[in-house]
Amino acid sequence: MSLTIRANYEDEHAIKTDTFKVDSIPDYCPLCHQGIEPIRRFGWLEDEKLYAIFQCPKKACKALFIGLYYVTIGLGPDILDPPFKYKGCVPWKVKKKVFQEEIMKTSPKFFVIYNQAKEAEDRGLKEICGAGYRRALEFLIKDYLIKVKGKKSKEIKENRLGTCIENYIDSPNIKDCAKRAAWLGNDETHYIRIWKDKDLEDLKDLIELTANWIRDEHLTRRIKEEMPEKTPKIGK
């Protein structure tokens, strides 16, 4: 695949056309998130910025999007004619994180908040997305305690997250993961970090582990209810 873009540009009040070298071509669609070899439609060069129009070839999508390229300083064999450097594309949609059905039903608000935090992260807003993940965790835990474990709603809502985890969760696996997720979530909201060797990926891993243990508990309870132990007949 040739790394060139054909584009128009204005020169001395006339519109001209030329082919420009680029360092890469998008290999995925920012709207349907499928891996693709995009159709190159055309482009426009303005103030040393190249705007390349691409189209997704997938029949279910066919979306148009714009790749953004900037002038670079040439190195090696390209020192006299450096390619334009790819910086990203617009528009794009966030690829939502989907959780198991049991989690979605237990805490719909958790799903909404988590994916808003994910959108902030995907947009490069690293300083605020952690607080969003921390809030999502709180909704997951409190909804779980109220809806699944039958704890008093007012009591759970008014207590701190750490207190709810420590005093109301009886599953060691859920408690251990949720407690550590809360630690990292608190780091994302405070001036000084305590867990300096941990980051957003660790926080998201712990939230997902917590959700998975909640789901496992739900499935275990359901299978026990559907298949209760029966007293065997004498002689069997």
Protein backbone atom coordinates (compact mmCIF):
# COMPACT_ATOMS: atom_id res chain seq x y z
CA MET A 1 0.00 0.00 0.00
CA SER A 2 1.54 3.29 -1.11
CA LEU A 3 1.82 5.91 1.61
CA THR A 4 0.63 8.90 -0.36
CA ILE A 5 -2.36 11.23 -0.30
CA ARG A 6 -3.61 13.22 -3.27
CA ALA A 7 -4.75 16.66 -2.15
CA ASN A 8 -5.68 20.15 -3.31
CA TYR A 9 -4.02 23.31 -2.07
CA GLU A 10 -4.15 27.00 -2.85
CA ASP A 11 -1.15 28.61 -4.53
CA GLU A 12 -1.18 32.21 -5.74
CA HIS A 13 -4.99 32.31 -5.71
CA ALA A 14 -5.22 29.14 -7.80
CA ILE A 15 -6.28 25.65 -6.68
CA LYS A 16 -3.65 23.07 -7.50
CA THR A 17 -3.35 19.33 -6.95
CA ASP A 18 -0.39 17.21 -5.91
CA THR A 19 0.53 13.94 -4.22
CA PHE A 20 2.04 14.06 -0.74
CA LYS A 21 3.95 11.42 1.19
CA VAL A 22 2.59 10.38 4.60
CA ASP A 23 4.14 8.15 7.26
CA SER A 24 1.04 5.96 7.71
CA ILE A 25 -2.56 5.33 6.69
CA PRO A 26 -5.25 4.57 9.33
CA ASP A 27 -5.81 0.82 9.60
CA TYR A 28 -9.07 0.97 11.57
CA CYS A 29 -12.33 2.88 11.36
CA PRO A 30 -12.77 5.37 14.24
CA LEU A 31 -16.55 4.97 14.05
CA CYS A 32 -17.21 1.24 13.69
CA HIS A 33 -13.85 0.21 15.19
CA GLN A 34 -13.20 -2.44 12.54
CA GLY A 35 -9.76 -3.11 11.09
CA ILE A 36 -9.80 -1.76 7.52
CA GLU A 37 -7.82 -0.57 4.54
CA PRO A 38 -9.65 2.74 4.06
CA ILE A 39 -10.73 4.16 0.72
CA ARG A 40 -8.73 7.33 0.08
CA ARG A 41 -11.12 9.98 -1.25
CA PHE A 42 -9.10 13.17 -1.36
CA GLY A 43 -7.42 15.80 0.78
CA TRP A 44 -6.67 19.43 1.41
CA LEU A 45 -3.34 21.06 2.35
CA GLU A 46 -3.52 24.22 4.47
CA ASP A 47 -0.80 25.89 6.59
CA GLU A 48 1.47 22.84 6.50
CA LYS A 49 -1.37 20.61 7.69
CA LEU A 50 -2.77 17.86 5.49
CA TYR A 51 -6.40 16.86 5.93
CA ALA A 52 -7.06 13.51 4.24
CA ILE A 53 -10.60 12.25 3.68
CA PHE A 54 -11.02 8.49 4.09
CA GLN A 55 -14.03 6.19 3.86
CA CYS A 56 -14.66 2.97 5.69
CA PRO A 57 -15.13 0.14 3.15
CA LYS A 58 -17.37 -1.93 5.46
CA LYS A 59 -20.89 -2.21 4.03
CA ALA A 60 -22.45 -1.72 7.45
CA CYS A 61 -20.53 1.52 8.01
CA LYS A 62 -19.34 3.43 4.91
CA ALA A 63 -18.52 6.39 7.18
CA LEU A 64 -16.29 9.26 6.09
CA PHE A 65 -13.57 10.48 8.43
CA ILE A 66 -10.63 12.87 8.23
CA GLY A 67 -7.04 11.93 8.94
CA LEU A 68 -4.87 14.75 10.32
CA TYR A 69 -1.23 15.05 9.20
CA TYR A 70 1.49 17.53 10.09
CA VAL A 71 4.84 18.49 8.56
CA THR A 72 7.81 16.67 10.09
CA ILE A 73 11.55 17.20 10.11
CA GLY A 74 13.16 14.69 7.79
CA LEU A 75 15.64 12.08 9.00
CA GLY A 76 17.74 9.56 7.09
CA PRO A 77 16.75 9.09 3.45
CA ASP A 78 13.75 11.43 3.89
CA ILE A 79 15.74 14.39 5.18
CA LEU A 80 15.06 16.45 2.03
CA ASP A 81 11.49 15.26 1.53
CA PRO A 82 10.01 14.16 4.86
CA PRO A 83 6.52 12.59 4.93
CA PHE A 84 3.59 14.17 6.71
CA LYS A 85 3.15 12.59 10.15
CA TYR A 86 -0.21 11.07 11.08
CA LYS A 87 -1.67 12.51 14.30
CA GLY A 88 -5.16 11.02 14.48
CA CYS A 89 -8.58 11.26 12.92
CA VAL A 90 -11.99 12.81 13.44
CA PRO A 91 -14.78 12.17 14.12
CA TRP A 92 -14.60 9.08 16.29
CA LYS A 93 -16.85 7.18 18.63
CA VAL A 94 -15.82 5.63 21.89
CA LYS A 95 -15.85 1.85 21.85
CA LYS A 96 -17.84 1.14 24.99
CA LYS A 97 -16.74 -1.38 27.56
CA VAL A 98 -19.48 -4.00 27.84
CA PHE A 99 -19.99 -5.92 31.07
CA GLN A 100 -21.90 -9.13 31.65
CA GLU A 101 -25.70 -8.99 31.73
CA GLU A 102 -25.80 -9.65 35.47
CA ILE A 103 -23.65 -6.58 36.15
CA MET A 104 -25.63 -4.38 33.75
CA LYS A 105 -28.87 -5.31 35.55
CA THR A 106 -27.36 -4.91 39.01
CA SER A 107 -26.02 -1.42 38.36
CA PRO A 108 -26.99 0.32 35.10
CA LYS A 109 -25.50 3.57 36.42
CA PHE A 110 -22.13 1.83 36.88
CA PHE A 111 -22.07 1.04 33.17
CA VAL A 112 -22.91 4.64 32.21
CA ILE A 113 -20.34 6.23 34.54
CA TYR A 114 -17.60 3.73 33.65
CA ASN A 115 -17.96 4.45 29.93
CA GLN A 116 -18.02 8.20 30.47
CA ALA A 117 -14.71 7.80 32.33
CA LYS A 118 -13.44 5.63 29.47
CA GLU A 119 -14.37 8.32 26.95
CA ALA A 120 -12.44 10.89 28.97
CA GLU A 121 -9.44 8.55 29.01
CA ASP A 122 -9.69 7.84 25.27
CA ARG A 123 -9.74 11.59 24.63
CA GLY A 124 -6.50 11.96 26.57
CA LEU A 125 -8.05 13.47 29.72
CA LYS A 126 -5.91 11.32 32.00
CA GLU A 127 -6.11 13.68 34.98
CA ILE A 128 -9.89 13.40 35.41
CA CYS A 129 -10.90 9.95 34.15
CA GLY A 130 -9.62 8.19 37.29
CA ALA A 131 -12.15 10.03 39.43
CA GLY A 132 -14.85 8.79 37.06
CA TYR A 133 -13.72 5.16 37.42
CA ARG A 134 -13.72 5.63 41.21
CA ARG A 135 -17.32 6.89 41.09
CA ALA A 136 -18.34 3.97 38.87
CA LEU A 137 -16.91 1.56 41.46
CA GLU A 138 -18.95 3.19 44.22
CA PHE A 139 -22.19 2.76 42.26
CA LEU A 140 -21.35 -0.87 41.50
CA ILE A 141 -20.66 -1.73 45.15
CA LYS A 142 -23.61 0.15 46.63
CA ASP A 143 -26.08 -1.14 44.02
CA TYR A 144 -24.77 -4.66 44.65
CA LEU A 145 -25.27 -4.33 48.41
CA ILE A 146 -28.76 -2.83 48.08
CA LYS A 147 -30.19 -4.85 45.18
CA VAL A 148 -28.40 -8.18 45.55
CA LYS A 149 -27.54 -8.45 49.24
CA GLY A 150 -30.67 -6.70 50.49
CA LYS A 151 -28.90 -4.18 52.71
CA LYS A 152 -30.79 -1.11 53.92
CA SER A 153 -30.73 1.48 51.13
CA LYS A 154 -30.42 4.56 53.35
CA GLU A 155 -27.64 3.00 55.39
CA ILE A 156 -25.59 2.02 52.34
CA LYS A 157 -26.09 5.32 50.52
CA GLU A 158 -24.98 7.39 53.52
CA ASN A 159 -21.85 5.38 54.34
CA ARG A 160 -18.45 5.87 52.75
CA LEU A 161 -17.40 3.40 50.09
CA GLY A 162 -14.59 1.99 52.25
CA THR A 163 -17.01 1.40 55.12
CA CYS A 164 -19.47 -0.38 52.84
CA ILE A 165 -16.75 -2.67 51.51
CA GLU A 166 -15.33 -3.45 54.94
CA ASN A 167 -18.54 -3.88 56.92
CA TYR A 168 -21.16 -5.16 54.49
CA ILE A 169 -19.42 -7.40 51.93
CA ASP A 170 -19.01 -10.99 53.11
CA SER A 171 -17.36 -12.49 50.02
CA PRO A 172 -13.55 -12.44 50.53
CA ASN A 173 -12.89 -12.23 46.78
CA ILE A 174 -15.24 -9.30 46.19
CA LYS A 175 -14.02 -7.53 49.33
CA ASP A 176 -10.31 -7.96 48.51
CA CYS A 177 -10.65 -6.68 44.94
CA ALA A 178 -13.10 -3.87 45.74
CA LYS A 179 -10.95 -2.65 48.64
CA ARG A 180 -7.86 -2.38 46.45
CA ALA A 181 -9.82 -0.76 43.63
CA ALA A 182 -11.02 1.85 46.14
CA TRP A 183 -7.43 2.48 47.25
CA LEU A 184 -6.36 3.22 43.68
CA GLY A 185 -9.54 5.16 42.98
CA ASN A 186 -8.84 7.40 45.97
CA ASP A 187 -5.33 8.01 44.63
CA GLU A 188 -6.94 9.41 41.47
CA THR A 189 -8.82 12.04 43.51
CA HIS A 190 -6.12 13.10 46.00
CA TYR A 191 -3.15 15.45 45.74
CA ILE A 192 -0.62 12.84 46.91
CA ARG A 193 -0.55 9.33 45.52
CA ILE A 194 0.05 6.45 47.91
CA TRP A 195 0.30 3.63 45.35
CA LYS A 196 2.91 5.23 43.11
CA ASP A 197 3.71 2.01 41.24
CA LYS A 198 0.08 1.53 40.17
CA ASP A 199 -1.85 3.31 37.42
CA LEU A 200 -5.19 3.51 35.62
CA GLU A 201 -4.76 0.07 34.08
CA ASP A 202 -4.43 -1.47 37.54
CA LEU A 203 -7.53 0.40 38.69
CA LYS A 204 -9.55 -0.82 35.72
CA ASP A 205 -8.29 -4.39 36.22
CA LEU A 206 -9.43 -4.35 39.84
CA ILE A 207 -12.85 -2.92 38.94
CA GLU A 208 -13.29 -5.63 36.32
CA LEU A 209 -12.19 -8.32 38.79
CA THR A 210 -14.71 -6.99 41.31
CA ALA A 211 -17.48 -7.09 38.68
CA ASN A 212 -16.49 -10.63 37.67
CA TRP A 213 -16.61 -11.89 41.27
CA ILE A 214 -20.05 -10.29 41.73
CA ARG A 215 -21.24 -12.04 38.59
CA ASP A 216 -19.77 -15.37 39.72
CA GLU A 217 -21.58 -15.04 43.04
CA HIS A 218 -24.82 -14.31 41.19
CA LEU A 219 -24.42 -17.33 38.89
CA THR A 220 -23.49 -19.63 41.77
CA ARG A 221 -26.59 -18.59 43.74
CA ARG A 222 -28.81 -19.04 40.69
CA ILE A 223 -27.54 -22.54 39.90
CA LYS A 224 -28.05 -23.60 43.53
CA GLU A 225 -31.62 -22.31 43.42
CA GLU A 226 -32.32 -24.08 40.12
CA MET A 227 -30.66 -27.34 41.24
CA PRO A 228 -31.24 -27.75 44.99
CA GLU A 229 -29.65 -30.69 46.75
CA LYS A 230 -32.06 -33.61 47.13
CA THR A 231 -32.00 -36.17 49.93
CA PRO A 232 -31.10 -39.51 48.33
CA LYS A 233 -33.52 -42.38 48.77
CA ILE A 234 -32.56 -45.15 51.20
CA GLY A 235 -30.67 -47.88 49.44
CA LYS A 236 -29.52 -45.64 46.58
